[in-house]
C-alpha atoms as a PDB file:
ATOM      1  CA  UNK A   1     -79.168  34.113-107.052  1.00  0.00           C
ATOM      2  CA  UNK A   2     -79.574  30.577-105.700  1.00  0.00           C
ATOM      3  CA  UNK A   3     -76.409  28.979-104.336  1.00  0.00           C
ATOM      4  CA  UNK A   4     -74.797  26.497-106.708  1.00  0.00           C
ATOM      5  CA  UNK A   5     -74.844  22.980-105.305  1.00  0.00           C
ATOM      6  CA  UNK A   6     -72.394  20.134-105.701  1.00  0.00           C
ATOM      7  CA  UNK A   7     -75.049  18.380-107.785  1.00  0.00           C
ATOM      8  CA  UNK A   8     -75.088  21.400-110.121  1.00  0.00           C
ATOM      9  CA  UNK A   9     -71.305  21.261-110.512  1.00  0.00           C
ATOM     10  CA  UNK A  10     -71.319  17.500-111.039  1.00  0.00           C
ATOM     11  CA  UNK A  11     -73.884  17.915-113.793  1.00  0.00           C
ATOM     12  CA  UNK A  12     -71.825  20.593-115.483  1.00  0.00           C
ATOM     13  CA  UNK A  13     -68.640  18.521-115.298  1.00  0.00           C
ATOM     14  CA  UNK A  14     -70.451  15.526-116.807  1.00  0.00           C
ATOM     15  CA  UNK A  15     -71.681  17.761-119.633  1.00  0.00           C
ATOM     16  CA  UNK A  16     -68.162  19.002-120.313  1.00  0.00           C
ATOM     17  CA  UNK A  17     -66.819  15.447-120.292  1.00  0.00           C
ATOM     18  CA  UNK A  18     -69.504  14.366-122.758  1.00  0.00           C
ATOM     19  CA  UNK A  19     -68.728  17.310-125.065  1.00  0.00           C
ATOM     20  CA  UNK A  20     -64.987  16.571-124.998  1.00  0.00           C
ATOM     21  CA  UNK A  21     -65.716  12.931-125.802  1.00  0.00           C
ATOM     22  CA  UNK A  22     -67.890  13.910-128.758  1.00  0.00           C
ATOM     23  CA  UNK A  23     -65.133  16.142-130.117  1.00  0.00           C
ATOM     24  CA  UNK A  24     -62.687  13.237-129.991  1.00  0.00           C
ATOM     25  CA  UNK A  25     -64.990  10.523-131.270  1.00  0.00           C
ATOM     26  CA  UNK A  26     -65.396   8.839-127.911  1.00  0.00           C
ATOM     27  CA  UNK A  27     -68.289   8.193-125.548  1.00  0.00           C
ATOM     28  CA  UNK A  28     -68.634   9.448-121.984  1.00  0.00           C
ATOM     29  CA  UNK A  29     -68.478   5.826-120.819  1.00  0.00           C
ATOM     30  CA  UNK A  30     -64.820   5.808-121.897  1.00  0.00           C
ATOM     31  CA  UNK A  31     -63.907   8.230-119.092  1.00  0.00           C
ATOM     32  CA  UNK A  32     -63.981   7.650-115.337  1.00  0.00           C
ATOM     33  CA  UNK A  33     -64.617  10.800-113.313  1.00  0.00           C
ATOM     34  CA  UNK A  34     -62.651  10.660-110.068  1.00  0.00           C
ATOM     35  CA  UNK A  35     -63.816  13.332-107.625  1.00  0.00           C
ATOM     36  CA  UNK A  36     -60.809  14.402-105.569  1.00  0.00           C
ATOM     37  CA  UNK A  37     -61.912  15.036-101.998  1.00  0.00           C
ATOM     38  CA  UNK A  38     -58.689  16.376-100.462  1.00  0.00           C
ATOM     39  CA  UNK A  39     -59.582  18.880 -97.745  1.00  0.00           C
ATOM     40  CA  UNK A  40     -63.311  18.296 -98.116  1.00  0.00           C
ATOM     41  CA  UNK A  41     -65.572  17.386 -95.199  1.00  0.00           C
ATOM     42  CA  UNK A  42     -67.314  13.983 -95.240  1.00  0.00           C
ATOM     43  CA  UNK A  43     -70.735  15.568 -95.676  1.00  0.00           C
ATOM     44  CA  UNK A  44     -69.585  17.131 -98.955  1.00  0.00           C
ATOM     45  CA  UNK A  45     -68.339  13.749-100.153  1.00  0.00           C
ATOM     46  CA  UNK A  46     -71.709  12.243 -99.272  1.00  0.00           C
ATOM     47  CA  UNK A  47     -73.409  15.038-101.204  1.00  0.00           C
ATOM     48  CA  UNK A  48     -71.304  14.184-104.254  1.00  0.00           C
ATOM     49  CA  UNK A  49     -72.215  10.514-103.841  1.00  0.00           C
ATOM     50  CA  UNK A  50     -75.881  11.461-103.775  1.00  0.00           C
ATOM     51  CA  UNK A  51     -75.278  13.438-106.981  1.00  0.00           C
ATOM     52  CA  UNK A  52     -74.099  10.250-108.676  1.00  0.00           C
ATOM     53  CA  UNK A  53     -70.333  10.252-108.136  1.00  0.00           C
ATOM     54  CA  UNK A  54     -69.010   6.745-107.514  1.00  0.00           C
ATOM     55  CA  UNK A  55     -65.244   7.246-107.811  1.00  0.00           C
ATOM     56  CA  UNK A  56     -63.385   9.313-105.228  1.00  0.00           C
ATOM     57  CA  UNK A  57     -59.729  10.269-104.923  1.00  0.00           C
ATOM     58  CA  UNK A  58     -57.666  11.144-101.872  1.00  0.00           C
ATOM     59  CA  UNK A  59     -54.105  12.430-101.589  1.00  0.00           C
ATOM     60  CA  UNK A  60     -53.197  11.205 -98.117  1.00  0.00           C
ATOM     61  CA  UNK A  61     -53.687   7.904 -96.348  1.00  0.00           C
ATOM     62  CA  UNK A  62     -54.372   9.479 -92.963  1.00  0.00           C
ATOM     63  CA  UNK A  63     -57.057  11.818 -94.277  1.00  0.00           C
ATOM     64  CA  UNK A  64     -58.702   9.002 -96.223  1.00  0.00           C
ATOM     65  CA  UNK A  65     -58.770   6.760 -93.149  1.00  0.00           C
ATOM     66  CA  UNK A  66     -60.578   9.357 -91.044  1.00  0.00           C
ATOM     67  CA  UNK A  67     -62.941  10.283 -93.860  1.00  0.00           C
ATOM     68  CA  UNK A  68     -63.919   6.717 -94.664  1.00  0.00           C
ATOM     69  CA  UNK A  69     -64.763   6.017 -91.040  1.00  0.00           C
ATOM     70  CA  UNK A  70     -67.365   8.768 -91.329  1.00  0.00           C
ATOM     71  CA  UNK A  71     -68.561   7.442 -94.695  1.00  0.00           C
ATOM     72  CA  UNK A  72     -69.126   3.780 -93.902  1.00  0.00           C
ATOM     73  CA  UNK A  73     -72.516   3.913 -95.623  1.00  0.00           C
ATOM     74  CA  UNK A  74     -70.932   5.268 -98.817  1.00  0.00           C
ATOM     75  CA  UNK A  75     -67.847   3.069 -98.875  1.00  0.00           C
ATOM     76  CA  UNK A  76     -69.512  -0.083-100.133  1.00  0.00           C
ATOM     77  CA  UNK A  77     -71.009   1.604-103.168  1.00  0.00           C
ATOM     78  CA  UNK A  78     -67.939   3.549-104.227  1.00  0.00           C
ATOM     79  CA  UNK A  79     -64.409   3.076-105.529  1.00  0.00           C
ATOM     80  CA  UNK A  80     -61.520   4.890-103.856  1.00  0.00           C
ATOM     81  CA  UNK A  81     -58.396   6.018-105.670  1.00  0.00           C
ATOM     82  CA  UNK A  82     -55.070   7.016-104.108  1.00  0.00           C
ATOM     83  CA  UNK A  83     -53.995   9.979-106.242  1.00  0.00           C
ATOM     84  CA  UNK A  84     -51.295  11.648-104.113  1.00  0.00           C
ATOM     85  CA  UNK A  85     -47.670  10.789-103.379  1.00  0.00           C
ATOM     86  CA  UNK A  86     -47.472   7.532-101.461  1.00  0.00           C
ATOM     87  CA  UNK A  87     -44.621   6.861 -99.060  1.00  0.00           C
ATOM     88  CA  UNK A  88     -43.444   3.276 -98.687  1.00  0.00           C
ATOM     89  CA  UNK A  89     -44.214   3.272 -94.964  1.00  0.00           C
ATOM     90  CA  UNK A  90     -47.865   4.086 -95.763  1.00  0.00           C
ATOM     91  CA  UNK A  91     -48.376   1.224 -98.209  1.00  0.00           C
ATOM     92  CA  UNK A  92     -50.074  -1.137 -95.770  1.00  0.00           C
ATOM     93  CA  UNK A  93     -52.683   1.497 -94.895  1.00  0.00           C
ATOM     94  CA  UNK A  94     -53.162   2.476 -98.529  1.00  0.00           C
ATOM     95  CA  UNK A  95     -53.815  -1.103 -99.599  1.00  0.00           C
ATOM     96  CA  UNK A  96     -56.457  -1.441 -96.895  1.00  0.00           C
ATOM     97  CA  UNK A  97     -58.225   1.774 -97.904  1.00  0.00           C
ATOM     98  CA  UNK A  98     -57.902   2.181-101.652  1.00  0.00           C
ATOM     99  CA  UNK A  99     -59.099   0.130-104.594  1.00  0.00           C
ATOM    100  CA  UNK A 100     -56.561   1.561-107.034  1.00  0.00           C
ATOM    101  CA  UNK A 101     -53.323   3.547-106.732  1.00  0.00           C
ATOM    102  CA  UNK A 102     -52.547   6.227-109.338  1.00  0.00           C
ATOM    103  CA  UNK A 103     -49.173   7.379-108.034  1.00  0.00           C
ATOM    104  CA  UNK A 104     -46.573   4.597-108.189  1.00  0.00           C
ATOM    105  CA  UNK A 105     -43.464   6.685-108.779  1.00  0.00           C
ATOM    106  CA  UNK A 106     -40.572   4.313-108.028  1.00  0.00           C
ATOM    107  CA  UNK A 107     -39.629   0.679-108.394  1.00  0.00           C
ATOM    108  CA  UNK A 108     -39.111   0.496-104.633  1.00  0.00           C
ATOM    109  CA  UNK A 109     -42.699   1.590-104.026  1.00  0.00           C
ATOM    110  CA  UNK A 110     -43.963  -0.962-106.545  1.00  0.00           C
ATOM    111  CA  UNK A 111     -41.983  -3.717-104.831  1.00  0.00           C
ATOM    112  CA  UNK A 112     -43.367  -2.709-101.443  1.00  0.00           C
ATOM    113  CA  UNK A 113     -46.938  -2.817-102.730  1.00  0.00           C
ATOM    114  CA  UNK A 114     -46.296  -6.226-104.267  1.00  0.00           C
ATOM    115  CA  UNK A 115     -44.858  -7.540-100.999  1.00  0.00           C
ATOM    116  CA  UNK A 116     -47.644  -6.190 -98.799  1.00  0.00           C
ATOM    117  CA  UNK A 117     -50.698  -6.798-100.984  1.00  0.00           C
ATOM    118  CA  UNK A 118     -52.839  -9.868-100.266  1.00  0.00           C
ATOM    119  CA  UNK A 119     -54.473  -9.628-103.713  1.00  0.00           C
ATOM    120  CA  UNK A 120     -53.459  -7.921-107.000  1.00  0.00           C
ATOM    121  CA  UNK A 121     -53.557  -4.130-106.767  1.00  0.00           C
ATOM    122  CA  UNK A 122     -54.365  -2.063-109.892  1.00  0.00           C
ATOM    123  CA  UNK A 123     -51.836   0.761-110.232  1.00  0.00           C
ATOM    124  CA  UNK A 124     -50.879   3.585-112.561  1.00  0.00           C
ATOM    125  CA  UNK A 125     -47.220   4.556-112.975  1.00  0.00           C
ATOM    126  CA  UNK A 126     -46.653   8.266-112.453  1.00  0.00           C
ATOM    127  CA  UNK A 127     -44.500  10.126-114.968  1.00  0.00           C
ATOM    128  CA  UNK A 128     -42.907  13.508-114.405  1.00  0.00           C
ATOM    129  CA  UNK A 129     -42.971  14.502-118.065  1.00  0.00           C
ATOM    130  CA  UNK A 130     -42.037  18.140-117.519  1.00  0.00           C
ATOM    131  CA  UNK A 131     -39.108  17.160-115.253  1.00  0.00           C
ATOM    132  CA  UNK A 132     -40.395  19.447-112.495  1.00  0.00           C
ATOM    133  CA  UNK A 133     -38.258  19.339-109.363  1.00  0.00           C
ATOM    134  CA  UNK A 134     -41.328  19.742-107.130  1.00  0.00           C
ATOM    135  CA  UNK A 135     -43.099  16.671-108.513  1.00  0.00           C
ATOM    136  CA  UNK A 136     -42.618  12.946-108.222  1.00  0.00           C
ATOM    137  CA  UNK A 137     -42.631  10.414-111.029  1.00  0.00           C
ATOM    138  CA  UNK A 138     -40.532   8.359-113.385  1.00  0.00           C
ATOM    139  CA  UNK A 139     -38.500  10.034-116.071  1.00  0.00           C
ATOM    140  CA  UNK A 140     -38.938   8.926-119.655  1.00  0.00           C
ATOM    141  CA  UNK A 141     -35.441   7.481-119.503  1.00  0.00           C
ATOM    142  CA  UNK A 142     -36.162   5.283-116.483  1.00  0.00           C
ATOM    143  CA  UNK A 143     -39.685   4.187-117.370  1.00  0.00           C
ATOM    144  CA  UNK A 144     -39.028   1.231-119.740  1.00  0.00           C
ATOM    145  CA  UNK A 145     -36.622  -0.533-117.375  1.00  0.00           C
ATOM    146  CA  UNK A 146     -38.821   0.080-114.344  1.00  0.00           C
ATOM    147  CA  UNK A 147     -41.900  -1.191-116.153  1.00  0.00           C
ATOM    148  CA  UNK A 148     -40.091  -4.340-117.270  1.00  0.00           C
ATOM    149  CA  UNK A 149     -39.105  -5.041-113.667  1.00  0.00           C
ATOM    150  CA  UNK A 150     -42.631  -4.372-112.386  1.00  0.00           C
ATOM    151  CA  UNK A 151     -44.139  -6.740-114.937  1.00  0.00           C
ATOM    152  CA  UNK A 152     -42.427  -9.548-113.021  1.00  0.00           C
ATOM    153  CA  UNK A 153     -43.836  -8.577-109.641  1.00  0.00           C
ATOM    154  CA  UNK A 154     -46.712 -10.606-108.195  1.00  0.00           C
ATOM    155  CA  UNK A 155     -49.886  -8.894-106.993  1.00  0.00           C
ATOM    156  CA  UNK A 156     -49.138  -5.735-108.976  1.00  0.00           C
ATOM    157  CA  UNK A 157     -51.445  -4.966-111.906  1.00  0.00           C
ATOM    158  CA  UNK A 158     -50.086  -2.048-113.941  1.00  0.00           C
ATOM    159  CA  UNK A 159     -53.144  -0.693-115.757  1.00  0.00           C
ATOM    160  CA  UNK A 160     -51.758   2.540-117.164  1.00  0.00           C
ATOM    161  CA  UNK A 161     -49.777   5.747-116.788  1.00  0.00           C
ATOM    162  CA  UNK A 162     -50.509   8.905-114.833  1.00  0.00           C
ATOM    163  CA  UNK A 163     -49.199  12.456-114.947  1.00  0.00           C
ATOM    164  CA  UNK A 164     -49.867  15.883-113.461  1.00  0.00           C
ATOM    165  CA  UNK A 165     -49.465  18.576-116.089  1.00  0.00           C
ATOM    166  CA  UNK A 166     -47.480  21.692-115.149  1.00  0.00           C
ATOM    167  CA  UNK A 167     -49.316  24.958-114.485  1.00  0.00           C
ATOM    168  CA  UNK A 168     -50.179  26.792-117.691  1.00  0.00           C
ATOM    169  CA  UNK A 169     -51.909  29.949-118.821  1.00  0.00           C
ATOM    170  CA  UNK A 170     -54.215  27.943-121.087  1.00  0.00           C
ATOM    171  CA  UNK A 171     -55.278  24.317-121.018  1.00  0.00           C
ATOM    172  CA  UNK A 172     -54.196  24.044-124.652  1.00  0.00           C
ATOM    173  CA  UNK A 173     -50.597  24.688-123.592  1.00  0.00           C
ATOM    174  CA  UNK A 174     -50.362  21.304-121.853  1.00  0.00           C
ATOM    175  CA  UNK A 175     -51.754  19.256-124.740  1.00  0.00           C
ATOM    176  CA  UNK A 176     -48.223  18.047-125.671  1.00  0.00           C
ATOM    177  CA  UNK A 177     -47.851  16.584-122.160  1.00  0.00           C
ATOM    178  CA  UNK A 178     -51.015  14.530-122.578  1.00  0.00           C
ATOM    179  CA  UNK A 179     -50.012  13.483-126.087  1.00  0.00           C
ATOM    180  CA  UNK A 180     -46.653  12.259-124.791  1.00  0.00           C
ATOM    181  CA  UNK A 181     -48.267  10.247-121.983  1.00  0.00           C
ATOM    182  CA  UNK A 182     -50.595   8.616-124.497  1.00  0.00           C
ATOM    183  CA  UNK A 183     -47.661   7.693-126.720  1.00  0.00           C
ATOM    184  CA  UNK A 184     -45.656   6.237-123.823  1.00  0.00           C
ATOM    185  CA  UNK A 185     -48.644   4.128-122.789  1.00  0.00           C
ATOM    186  CA  UNK A 186     -49.011   2.896-126.366  1.00  0.00           C
ATOM    187  CA  UNK A 187     -45.350   1.859-126.490  1.00  0.00           C
ATOM    188  CA  UNK A 188     -45.802  -0.172-123.304  1.00  0.00           C
ATOM    189  CA  UNK A 189     -49.113  -1.669-124.416  1.00  0.00           C
ATOM    190  CA  UNK A 190     -51.049   0.029-121.605  1.00  0.00           C
ATOM    191  CA  UNK A 191     -54.580   1.382-122.024  1.00  0.00           C
ATOM    192  CA  UNK A 192     -55.152   3.440-118.880  1.00  0.00           C
ATOM    193  CA  UNK A 193     -54.371   7.166-118.904  1.00  0.00           C
ATOM    194  CA  UNK A 194     -54.931   9.045-115.649  1.00  0.00           C
ATOM    195  CA  UNK A 195     -54.509  12.664-116.704  1.00  0.00           C
ATOM    196  CA  UNK A 196     -56.433  15.899-116.520  1.00  0.00           C
ATOM    197  CA  UNK A 197     -57.630  17.977-113.581  1.00  0.00           C
ATOM    198  CA  UNK A 198     -60.080  20.844-113.114  1.00  0.00           C
ATOM    199  CA  UNK A 199     -58.194  23.284-115.368  1.00  0.00           C
ATOM    200  CA  UNK A 200     -57.319  20.953-118.235  1.00  0.00           C
ATOM    201  CA  UNK A 201     -59.461  17.804-118.180  1.00  0.00           C
ATOM    202  CA  UNK A 202     -61.215  18.523-121.473  1.00  0.00           C
ATOM    203  CA  UNK A 203     -57.914  18.638-123.371  1.00  0.00           C
ATOM    204  CA  UNK A 204     -56.817  15.474-121.541  1.00  0.00           C
ATOM    205  CA  UNK A 205     -59.983  13.686-122.675  1.00  0.00           C
ATOM    206  CA  UNK A 206     -59.424  14.806-126.258  1.00  0.00           C
ATOM    207  CA  UNK A 207     -55.983  13.183-126.003  1.00  0.00           C
ATOM    208  CA  UNK A 208     -57.289   9.895-124.628  1.00  0.00           C
ATOM    209  CA  UNK A 209     -57.663  10.209-120.855  1.00  0.00           C
ATOM    210  CA  UNK A 210     -59.480   7.263-119.302  1.00  0.00           C
ATOM    211  CA  UNK A 211     -59.495   8.781-115.792  1.00  0.00           C
ATOM    212  CA  UNK A 212     -59.764  12.484-114.924  1.00  0.00           C
ATOM    213  CA  UNK A 213     -59.084  13.663-111.374  1.00  0.00           C
ATOM    214  CA  UNK A 214     -61.302  16.641-110.558  1.00  0.00           C
ATOM    215  CA  UNK A 215     -61.588  18.447-107.253  1.00  0.00           C
ATOM    216  CA  UNK A 216     -62.218  22.184-107.480  1.00  0.00           C
ATOM    217  CA  UNK A 217     -64.695  22.003-110.373  1.00  0.00           C
ATOM    218  CA  UNK A 218     -66.899  19.769-108.197  1.00  0.00           C
ATOM    219  CA  UNK A 219     -66.299  20.905-104.625  1.00  0.00           C
ATOM    220  CA  UNK A 220     -65.075  24.455-105.039  1.00  0.00           C
ATOM    221  CA  UNK A 221     -61.976  25.710-103.238  1.00  0.00           C
ATOM    222  CA  UNK A 222     -60.536  23.524-100.524  1.00  0.00           C
ATOM    223  CA  UNK A 223     -61.703  24.135 -97.000  1.00  0.00           C
ATOM    224  CA  UNK A 224     -58.185  23.592 -95.662  1.00  0.00           C
END
């Protein structure tokens, strides 16, 4: 059998996104596909770009910096998303590399971004809805007060909420997590919902995701 290409996988993911949108009365234009390139070589990222991907996500500032040096020809025509945990001492580098940050998980981090940014930075606030000890993010209790404080910060544009659903046997099992994120965003008057990964993005789209972060379904298993 012929080897499946990244272009093949991208096409299949787009088809699944479109089907999920139809089921929920939305259009595929409502959803931004962010291809997560953690652990993937620059040539694979370029292959995804050639297959039509224009939004890319990275988990670490250092890896993104090295990768983007090798992808100077791609950088100008693409948008880069910081999707992993961001330490305060990495903010300056992140602002220089990324167009949008999905993982603001503390008021201190938000304040640091605001202080360091020369222009407004679009951000998502990360929620740890399942209260998992291994994950970062605001609790539901802390979110309203933190958001109110962030709304006063200059050069910080809160566009929505983000979450990483816990592991589950079936994608359907995490639907309540996505429903809760949607409701919290509604209460705050936010439209952006960064939720859904390779195993559960269709359910996330049915529950209103505006950004899905997909790695394995596009690139296969990580190289490292």
